[in-house]
């Protein structure tokens, strides 16, 4: 399943916000280093021999 172009950023921001508790910091982290890393590895996705798809967790993250 392919995600639409905005969904990965939304998920990253939400994950950072769960830990940082601050929306501005979460957005900054998601659009900074995380997004740069995603752009760096994206071209290699077509050569991947294994792609792990996201499955929503049944159990909340520790402390939440």
Protein backbone atom coordinates (compact mmCIF):
# COMPACT_ATOMS: atom_id res chain seq x y z
CA UNK A 1 0.00 0.00 0.00
CA UNK A 2 1.39 3.37 -1.05
CA UNK A 3 0.72 6.34 1.20
CA UNK A 4 -0.30 9.66 -0.26
CA UNK A 5 2.47 12.26 -0.24
CA UNK A 6 1.26 14.03 2.94
CA UNK A 7 0.61 11.01 5.15
CA UNK A 8 4.23 10.18 6.11
CA UNK A 9 4.82 13.76 7.28
CA UNK A 10 1.55 13.76 9.22
CA UNK A 11 2.52 10.51 10.94
CA UNK A 12 6.03 11.71 11.76
CA UNK A 13 4.73 14.96 13.19
CA UNK A 14 2.16 13.08 15.30
CA UNK A 15 4.84 10.69 16.58
CA UNK A 16 7.14 13.56 17.56
CA UNK A 17 4.25 15.38 19.22
CA UNK A 18 3.45 12.32 21.36
CA UNK A 19 6.95 12.56 22.81
CA UNK A 20 7.66 16.31 22.65
CA UNK A 21 4.18 17.55 23.57
CA UNK A 22 4.82 20.69 21.52
CA UNK A 23 3.32 21.00 18.02
CA UNK A 24 5.89 23.52 16.78
CA UNK A 25 8.86 21.39 17.85
CA UNK A 26 7.23 18.25 16.41
CA UNK A 27 6.69 19.94 13.04
CA UNK A 28 10.25 21.30 13.05
CA UNK A 29 11.70 17.84 13.70
CA UNK A 30 9.52 16.13 11.11
CA UNK A 31 10.27 18.67 8.36
CA UNK A 32 13.95 18.99 9.23
CA UNK A 33 16.24 16.02 9.54
CA UNK A 34 13.49 13.39 9.14
CA UNK A 35 12.27 14.77 5.82
CA UNK A 36 15.85 15.17 4.55
CA UNK A 37 16.55 11.52 5.38
CA UNK A 38 13.34 10.42 3.65
CA UNK A 39 14.34 12.28 0.46
CA UNK A 40 17.80 10.69 0.63
CA UNK A 41 16.55 7.09 0.80
CA UNK A 42 13.45 7.41 -1.43
CA UNK A 43 15.23 6.78 -4.76
CA UNK A 44 16.47 3.41 -3.51
CA UNK A 45 12.98 2.18 -2.66
CA UNK A 46 12.50 0.74 -6.17
CA UNK A 47 15.59 -1.45 -5.65
CA UNK A 48 14.41 -2.72 -2.27
CA UNK A 49 14.05 -6.44 -1.80
CA UNK A 50 11.91 -5.93 1.30
CA UNK A 51 9.45 -3.17 2.16
CA UNK A 52 7.93 -3.17 5.65
CA UNK A 53 4.49 -1.64 5.63
CA UNK A 54 3.04 0.28 8.55
CA UNK A 55 0.61 -1.60 10.73
CA UNK A 56 -1.11 0.43 13.46
CA UNK A 57 0.03 -0.69 16.89
CA UNK A 58 -2.51 -2.45 19.04
CA UNK A 59 -0.69 -1.32 22.17
CA UNK A 60 0.11 2.36 22.89
CA UNK A 61 3.74 3.43 23.15
CA UNK A 62 5.24 3.15 26.65
CA UNK A 63 4.17 5.99 28.91
CA UNK A 64 1.10 6.86 26.81
